[in-house]
Amino acid sequence: MVSKKKKYYQVFDNRGKEWIPEEEQLLLQRFNSGIKIAVLAELHGRSVGAIRSGLRKLQGLK
């Protein structure tokens, strides 16, 4: 059985890493095309909170 902590780190493999400009651009494109934040989190290997934070930085999402 995988502990919750270990599972968290497996899912969010980009946790704590800085956003690179190419990834920010891709995030914004995907968000603007209608992809849900939870799906974006999986695609980018980041938490939902990190996705929201990244989007806020890019376009002022509240």
N, C-alpha and C. Protein backbone atom coordinates (compact mmCIF):
# COMPACT_ATOMS: atom_id res chain seq x y z
N MET A 1 0.84 -1.19 0.00
CA MET A 1 0.00 0.00 0.00
C MET A 1 0.88 1.25 0.00
N VAL A 2 0.53 2.22 -0.81
CA VAL A 2 1.29 3.46 -0.94
C VAL A 2 0.74 4.48 0.05
N SER A 3 1.62 5.08 0.84
CA SER A 3 1.17 6.09 1.79
C SER A 3 0.65 7.31 1.05
N LYS A 4 -0.21 8.10 1.73
CA LYS A 4 -0.75 9.31 1.11
C LYS A 4 0.37 10.27 0.72
N LYS A 5 1.37 10.40 1.60
CA LYS A 5 2.47 11.32 1.33
C LYS A 5 3.24 10.89 0.08
N LYS A 6 3.54 9.60 -0.03
CA LYS A 6 4.27 9.10 -1.18
C LYS A 6 3.44 9.26 -2.45
N LYS A 7 2.14 8.98 -2.36
CA LYS A 7 1.26 9.11 -3.51
C LYS A 7 1.21 10.56 -3.97
N TYR A 8 1.16 11.52 -3.05
CA TYR A 8 1.15 12.95 -3.39
C TYR A 8 2.37 13.31 -4.21
N TYR A 9 3.52 12.86 -3.79
CA TYR A 9 4.75 13.19 -4.51
C TYR A 9 4.82 12.51 -5.87
N GLN A 10 4.20 11.36 -6.02
CA GLN A 10 4.19 10.69 -7.31
C GLN A 10 3.30 11.45 -8.30
N VAL A 11 2.20 11.97 -7.83
CA VAL A 11 1.26 12.66 -8.69
C VAL A 11 1.78 14.04 -9.09
N PHE A 12 2.35 14.76 -8.14
CA PHE A 12 2.79 16.13 -8.38
C PHE A 12 4.30 16.17 -8.51
N ASP A 13 4.81 15.60 -9.59
CA ASP A 13 6.25 15.49 -9.76
C ASP A 13 6.93 16.82 -10.05
N ASN A 14 6.17 17.85 -10.39
CA ASN A 14 6.76 19.18 -10.59
C ASN A 14 6.58 20.08 -9.37
N ARG A 15 6.16 19.49 -8.26
CA ARG A 15 5.92 20.23 -7.03
C ARG A 15 7.17 21.00 -6.62
N GLY A 16 6.98 22.31 -6.40
CA GLY A 16 8.08 23.14 -5.94
C GLY A 16 9.01 23.66 -7.02
N LYS A 17 8.85 23.17 -8.23
CA LYS A 17 9.71 23.63 -9.33
C LYS A 17 9.17 24.95 -9.88
N GLU A 18 10.08 25.80 -10.34
CA GLU A 18 9.66 27.05 -10.96
C GLU A 18 8.98 26.77 -12.29
N TRP A 19 8.07 27.66 -12.64
CA TRP A 19 7.42 27.58 -13.94
C TRP A 19 8.39 28.15 -14.98
N ILE A 20 8.57 27.43 -16.06
CA ILE A 20 9.38 27.96 -17.16
C ILE A 20 8.43 28.63 -18.14
N PRO A 21 8.90 29.61 -18.89
CA PRO A 21 8.01 30.36 -19.80
C PRO A 21 7.21 29.47 -20.75
N GLU A 22 7.80 28.43 -21.28
CA GLU A 22 7.08 27.54 -22.20
C GLU A 22 5.92 26.84 -21.49
N GLU A 23 6.13 26.44 -20.25
CA GLU A 23 5.07 25.76 -19.51
C GLU A 23 3.96 26.75 -19.15
N GLU A 24 4.33 27.97 -18.82
CA GLU A 24 3.32 29.00 -18.52
C GLU A 24 2.45 29.26 -19.75
N GLN A 25 3.07 29.36 -20.89
CA GLN A 25 2.34 29.60 -22.14
C GLN A 25 1.40 28.45 -22.44
N LEU A 26 1.87 27.22 -22.26
CA LEU A 26 1.05 26.04 -22.50
C LEU A 26 -0.12 26.00 -21.51
N LEU A 27 0.14 26.33 -20.25
CA LEU A 27 -0.92 26.37 -19.24
C LEU A 27 -2.01 27.34 -19.66
N LEU A 28 -1.62 28.53 -20.06
CA LEU A 28 -2.59 29.55 -20.45
C LEU A 28 -3.37 29.13 -21.69
N GLN A 29 -2.70 28.55 -22.66
CA GLN A 29 -3.39 28.07 -23.87
C GLN A 29 -4.41 26.99 -23.52
N ARG A 30 -3.99 26.04 -22.69
CA ARG A 30 -4.90 24.96 -22.32
C ARG A 30 -6.09 25.48 -21.52
N PHE A 31 -5.83 26.39 -20.58
CA PHE A 31 -6.91 26.96 -19.78
C PHE A 31 -7.90 27.72 -20.67
N ASN A 32 -7.38 28.52 -21.57
CA ASN A 32 -8.24 29.30 -22.47
C ASN A 32 -9.02 28.42 -23.45
N SER A 33 -8.54 27.20 -23.68
CA SER A 33 -9.27 26.28 -24.56
C SER A 33 -10.36 25.52 -23.80
N GLY A 34 -10.46 25.76 -22.49
CA GLY A 34 -11.55 25.17 -21.71
C GLY A 34 -11.19 23.96 -20.87
N ILE A 35 -9.94 23.61 -20.79
CA ILE A 35 -9.54 22.46 -19.97
C ILE A 35 -9.68 22.84 -18.50
N LYS A 36 -10.31 21.97 -17.73
CA LYS A 36 -10.57 22.22 -16.32
C LYS A 36 -9.27 22.24 -15.51
N ILE A 37 -9.30 22.98 -14.41
CA ILE A 37 -8.11 23.16 -13.58
C ILE A 37 -7.60 21.82 -13.04
N ALA A 38 -8.49 20.92 -12.64
CA ALA A 38 -8.07 19.62 -12.13
C ALA A 38 -7.31 18.82 -13.19
N VAL A 39 -7.76 18.92 -14.42
CA VAL A 39 -7.10 18.22 -15.52
C VAL A 39 -5.75 18.87 -15.81
N LEU A 40 -5.71 20.20 -15.76
CA LEU A 40 -4.45 20.92 -15.96
C LEU A 40 -3.43 20.49 -14.91
N ALA A 41 -3.88 20.31 -13.68
CA ALA A 41 -2.99 19.87 -12.61
C ALA A 41 -2.35 18.53 -12.96
N GLU A 42 -3.15 17.61 -13.45
CA GLU A 42 -2.61 16.30 -13.84
C GLU A 42 -1.64 16.43 -15.01
N LEU A 43 -2.01 17.21 -16.01
CA LEU A 43 -1.18 17.36 -17.19
C LEU A 43 0.17 18.00 -16.88
N HIS A 44 0.17 18.93 -15.94
CA HIS A 44 1.40 19.65 -15.61
C HIS A 44 2.14 19.06 -14.41
N GLY A 45 1.59 18.03 -13.79
CA GLY A 45 2.25 17.42 -12.65
C GLY A 45 2.33 18.35 -11.45
N ARG A 46 1.28 19.16 -11.26
CA ARG A 46 1.25 20.14 -10.18
C ARG A 46 -0.09 20.05 -9.45
N SER A 47 -0.15 20.67 -8.28
CA SER A 47 -1.40 20.66 -7.53
C SER A 47 -2.39 21.65 -8.14
N VAL A 48 -3.65 21.51 -7.76
CA VAL A 48 -4.68 22.44 -8.20
C VAL A 48 -4.32 23.85 -7.74
N GLY A 49 -3.82 23.96 -6.51
CA GLY A 49 -3.42 25.26 -5.99
C GLY A 49 -2.30 25.89 -6.80
N ALA A 50 -1.36 25.08 -7.25
CA ALA A 50 -0.26 25.60 -8.07
C ALA A 50 -0.76 26.07 -9.43
N ILE A 51 -1.73 25.37 -9.98
CA ILE A 51 -2.32 25.77 -11.26
C ILE A 51 -3.04 27.11 -11.10
N ARG A 52 -3.85 27.22 -10.04
CA ARG A 52 -4.56 28.48 -9.80
C ARG A 52 -3.58 29.63 -9.60
N SER A 53 -2.54 29.38 -8.85
CA SER A 53 -1.52 30.40 -8.60
C SER A 53 -0.84 30.81 -9.90
N GLY A 54 -0.50 29.83 -10.73
CA GLY A 54 0.13 30.12 -12.01
C GLY A 54 -0.78 30.93 -12.92
N LEU A 55 -2.06 30.59 -12.92
CA LEU A 55 -3.01 31.33 -13.75
C LEU A 55 -3.21 32.74 -13.23
N ARG A 56 -3.25 32.90 -11.89
CA ARG A 56 -3.37 34.24 -11.31
C ARG A 56 -2.21 35.10 -11.76
N LYS A 57 -1.02 34.53 -11.72
CA LYS A 57 0.18 35.26 -12.13
C LYS A 57 0.09 35.67 -13.60
N LEU A 58 -0.45 34.80 -14.42
CA LEU A 58 -0.48 35.04 -15.86
C LEU A 58 -1.60 35.97 -16.31
N GLN A 59 -2.75 35.90 -15.63
CA GLN A 59 -3.87 36.69 -16.14
C GLN A 59 -4.78 37.28 -15.08
N GLY A 60 -4.42 37.21 -13.84
CA GLY A 60 -5.22 37.83 -12.80
C GLY A 60 -6.48 37.06 -12.45
N LEU A 61 -6.47 35.73 -12.55
CA LEU A 61 -7.62 34.90 -12.18
C LEU A 61 -7.89 35.05 -10.70
N LYS A 62 -9.17 35.19 -10.32
CA LYS A 62 -9.52 35.36 -8.90
C LYS A 62 -10.28 34.16 -8.40
